[in-house]
Amino acid sequence: MQEFWVYFNIGLKHVLDINGYDHVLFLIALCVPYAFKDWKRVLLLVTLFTVGHTISLILSVYGVIQVKASLIEFLIPITILITALFHLFTAGKSSKKESISFVASVTLFFGIIHGLGFSNYFKSILPGSSSDKLLPLLEFALGIEAAQIIVVIIVLIISYMVQTVFRFSKRDWTLVASAFVCGVVVPMIIESEIWG
């Protein structure tokens, strides 16, 4: 049970680490147009992101795929930017018109990219034999999911406060938050090692 908490906490801290805020930025970009009444859709998207994250970790840990770290460090902010731009350009349009299968597929794919960003570190802390790797991976995934739910709840609370206390429309809040995410993530793309 103690080992469970070790990997669970690593997953938790991976998302909630203030220095690795790219994960939080992605969750903000993903969830900003939603409200508490959309909790099923939000939970589905967040869980798909975790599933993608876990798939890429499994593939990487077992040596099925290897991707250059600099490429992944470039692609992670690109996924955040695409998500923020999508909501920037669809702000104010009914979420019912938005195809959940399209958004879900993209979220799963982006989860795979984000998971690859953590794979080298995760491989270095795993036990030696391949039979010992799957359980820690799943424990880590549960930590990721728990942390993401915490972040999403905070985003939804802020969204609710901004729209009720400060009287922002849902559209305006989505525009402001998405533009903020774009503003933070564009310098990350410009400063990427891939250009060097």
Protein backbone atom coordinates (compact mmCIF):
# COMPACT_ATOMS: atom_id res chain seq x y z
CA MET A 1 0.00 0.00 0.00
CA GLN A 2 2.90 2.31 0.77
CA GLU A 3 4.30 1.81 -2.75
CA PHE A 4 0.90 2.78 -4.18
CA TRP A 5 1.15 6.17 -2.46
CA VAL A 6 4.70 6.67 -3.76
CA TYR A 7 3.68 6.48 -7.43
CA PHE A 8 0.27 8.07 -6.80
CA ASN A 9 2.04 11.08 -5.24
CA ILE A 10 4.49 11.28 -8.15
CA GLY A 11 1.49 11.50 -10.51
CA LEU A 12 -0.19 14.07 -8.27
CA LYS A 13 2.92 16.24 -8.04
CA HIS A 14 3.63 15.90 -11.76
CA VAL A 15 0.43 17.81 -12.55
CA LEU A 16 0.44 20.17 -9.56
CA ASP A 17 4.14 21.12 -9.83
CA ILE A 18 4.33 24.91 -10.25
CA ASN A 19 7.47 24.55 -12.40
CA GLY A 20 5.73 22.14 -14.78
CA TYR A 21 2.72 24.35 -15.37
CA ASP A 22 2.27 23.18 -18.97
CA HIS A 23 -0.06 20.41 -17.78
CA VAL A 24 -2.21 22.91 -15.86
CA LEU A 25 -2.25 25.25 -18.87
CA PHE A 26 -3.56 22.43 -21.04
CA LEU A 27 -6.32 21.66 -18.52
CA ILE A 28 -7.30 25.35 -18.36
CA ALA A 29 -7.42 25.51 -22.18
CA LEU A 30 -9.45 22.29 -22.29
CA CYS A 31 -12.01 23.13 -19.59
CA VAL A 32 -12.49 26.89 -19.84
CA PRO A 33 -15.72 26.81 -21.93
CA TYR A 34 -17.45 24.37 -19.56
CA ALA A 35 -19.49 24.79 -16.38
CA PHE A 36 -20.34 22.45 -13.50
CA LYS A 37 -23.44 21.25 -15.37
CA ASP A 38 -21.07 19.87 -18.05
CA TRP A 39 -19.22 17.71 -15.50
CA LYS A 40 -19.78 14.44 -17.40
CA ARG A 41 -18.23 15.81 -20.58
CA VAL A 42 -15.34 17.40 -18.66
CA LEU A 43 -14.67 14.17 -16.74
CA LEU A 44 -14.70 12.21 -20.02
CA LEU A 45 -12.18 14.58 -21.62
CA VAL A 46 -9.88 14.63 -18.57
CA THR A 47 -10.00 10.83 -18.30
CA LEU A 48 -9.22 10.45 -22.02
CA PHE A 49 -6.24 12.75 -21.53
CA THR A 50 -5.04 10.48 -18.69
CA VAL A 51 -5.60 7.38 -20.84
CA GLY A 52 -3.50 8.93 -23.64
CA HIS A 53 -0.84 9.91 -21.12
CA THR A 54 -0.76 6.34 -19.75
CA ILE A 55 -0.68 4.70 -23.20
CA SER A 56 2.40 6.70 -24.20
CA LEU A 57 4.13 5.95 -20.88
CA ILE A 58 3.49 2.21 -21.32
CA LEU A 59 4.75 2.28 -24.93
CA SER A 60 7.82 4.26 -23.91
CA VAL A 61 8.66 2.27 -20.75
CA TYR A 62 8.45 -1.02 -22.66
CA GLY A 63 10.62 0.38 -25.48
CA VAL A 64 7.92 0.31 -28.19
CA ILE A 65 8.42 3.99 -29.04
CA GLN A 66 11.21 6.49 -28.51
CA VAL A 67 10.90 10.14 -29.42
CA LYS A 68 13.47 12.91 -29.09
CA ALA A 69 12.87 14.90 -25.91
CA SER A 70 13.34 18.24 -27.73
CA LEU A 71 10.57 17.33 -30.22
CA ILE A 72 8.15 16.47 -27.41
CA GLU A 73 9.07 19.63 -25.47
CA PHE A 74 8.13 21.54 -28.64
CA LEU A 75 4.90 19.61 -29.31
CA ILE A 76 3.49 19.98 -25.76
CA PRO A 77 3.04 23.79 -25.99
CA ILE A 78 1.72 23.33 -29.56
CA THR A 79 -1.08 21.07 -28.19
CA ILE A 80 -1.91 23.71 -25.57
CA LEU A 81 -1.97 26.46 -28.21
CA ILE A 82 -4.22 24.45 -30.55
CA THR A 83 -6.66 23.74 -27.70
CA ALA A 84 -6.73 27.40 -26.61
CA LEU A 85 -7.14 28.64 -30.21
CA PHE A 86 -9.98 26.15 -30.79
CA HIS A 87 -11.90 27.59 -27.83
CA LEU A 88 -10.91 31.15 -28.78
CA PHE A 89 -12.50 30.73 -32.21
CA THR A 90 -15.53 28.74 -31.00
CA ALA A 91 -16.29 30.91 -27.94
CA GLY A 92 -19.97 31.69 -27.61
CA LYS A 93 -21.06 28.92 -29.94
CA SER A 94 -23.22 26.22 -28.41
CA SER A 95 -21.16 23.32 -27.06
CA LYS A 96 -23.90 20.98 -28.28
CA LYS A 97 -22.86 21.72 -31.86
CA GLU A 98 -19.28 20.77 -31.07
CA SER A 99 -18.64 17.14 -31.87
CA ILE A 100 -17.61 15.41 -28.65
CA SER A 101 -16.04 12.57 -30.63
CA PHE A 102 -13.71 15.05 -32.42
CA VAL A 103 -12.72 16.83 -29.19
CA ALA A 104 -12.36 13.48 -27.39
CA SER A 105 -10.09 12.06 -30.12
CA VAL A 106 -7.89 15.15 -30.13
CA THR A 107 -7.70 15.13 -26.31
CA LEU A 108 -6.64 11.47 -26.32
CA PHE A 109 -3.95 12.20 -28.93
CA PHE A 110 -2.70 15.22 -26.98
CA GLY A 111 -2.55 13.04 -23.85
CA ILE A 112 -0.21 10.69 -25.73
CA ILE A 113 2.10 13.62 -26.57
CA HIS A 114 2.09 14.93 -22.98
CA GLY A 115 2.81 11.45 -21.61
CA LEU A 116 5.92 11.19 -23.78
CA GLY A 117 7.20 14.37 -22.13
CA PHE A 118 7.39 12.59 -18.79
CA SER A 119 8.56 9.19 -20.04
CA ASN A 120 12.34 9.60 -19.58
CA TYR A 121 11.99 10.65 -15.95
CA PHE A 122 9.43 7.94 -15.26
CA LYS A 123 11.68 5.25 -16.78
CA SER A 124 14.50 6.32 -14.45
CA ILE A 125 12.41 5.81 -11.28
CA LEU A 126 10.78 2.49 -12.23
CA PRO A 127 11.89 -0.90 -10.88
CA GLY A 128 14.26 -2.91 -13.06
CA SER A 129 12.23 -5.90 -14.23
CA SER A 130 9.51 -5.38 -16.83
CA SER A 131 7.00 -7.38 -14.76
CA ASP A 132 7.23 -4.73 -12.03
CA LYS A 133 6.45 -1.76 -14.28
CA LEU A 134 2.72 -1.96 -15.04
CA LEU A 135 1.37 -1.51 -11.50
CA PRO A 136 3.46 1.62 -10.77
CA LEU A 137 2.32 3.03 -14.13
CA LEU A 138 -1.33 2.56 -13.19
CA GLU A 139 -0.75 4.01 -9.70
CA PHE A 140 0.92 7.00 -11.34
CA ALA A 141 -2.03 7.35 -13.75
CA LEU A 142 -4.45 7.47 -10.80
CA GLY A 143 -2.36 10.25 -9.26
CA ILE A 144 -2.48 12.15 -12.55
CA GLU A 145 -6.26 11.73 -12.75
CA ALA A 146 -6.77 12.90 -9.15
CA ALA A 147 -4.59 15.97 -9.71
CA GLN A 148 -6.36 16.80 -12.97
CA ILE A 149 -9.75 16.61 -11.26
CA ILE A 150 -8.45 19.03 -8.58
CA VAL A 151 -7.27 21.47 -11.28
CA VAL A 152 -10.54 21.15 -13.23
CA ILE A 153 -12.63 21.82 -10.11
CA ILE A 154 -10.55 24.96 -9.42
CA VAL A 155 -10.96 26.11 -13.05
CA LEU A 156 -14.74 25.52 -12.87
CA ILE A 157 -14.98 27.41 -9.55
CA ILE A 158 -13.03 30.37 -11.00
CA SER A 159 -15.21 30.22 -14.11
CA TYR A 160 -18.35 30.28 -11.97
CA MET A 161 -17.06 33.20 -9.86
CA VAL A 162 -16.02 35.26 -12.89
CA GLN A 163 -19.39 34.71 -14.57
CA THR A 164 -21.56 35.35 -11.50
CA VAL A 165 -19.63 37.83 -9.32
CA PHE A 166 -17.91 39.80 -12.09
CA ARG A 167 -20.78 39.33 -14.59
CA PHE A 168 -18.60 38.07 -17.44
CA SER A 169 -20.57 36.28 -20.12
CA LYS A 170 -19.50 32.69 -20.78
CA ARG A 171 -18.21 33.82 -24.19
CA ASP A 172 -16.12 36.68 -22.76
CA TRP A 173 -14.66 34.45 -20.04
CA THR A 174 -13.72 31.81 -22.63
CA LEU A 175 -12.09 34.49 -24.82
CA VAL A 176 -10.10 36.01 -21.95
CA ALA A 177 -8.93 32.69 -20.48
CA SER A 178 -8.05 31.22 -23.90
CA ALA A 179 -6.17 34.39 -24.89
CA PHE A 180 -4.29 34.24 -21.55
CA VAL A 181 -3.24 30.63 -22.24
CA CYS A 182 -2.10 31.61 -25.76
CA GLY A 183 -0.09 34.49 -24.31
CA VAL A 184 1.72 32.19 -21.89
CA VAL A 185 2.33 29.35 -24.34
CA VAL A 186 3.55 31.26 -27.44
CA PRO A 187 6.84 32.28 -25.74
CA MET A 188 7.34 28.61 -24.74
CA ILE A 189 7.10 27.67 -28.45
CA ILE A 190 9.40 30.52 -29.55
CA GLU A 191 12.03 29.60 -26.91
CA SER A 192 11.91 25.88 -27.75
CA GLU A 193 15.24 24.09 -28.25
CA ILE A 194 13.97 22.74 -31.57
CA TRP A 195 14.80 26.06 -33.27
CA GLY A 196 18.45 25.87 -32.11
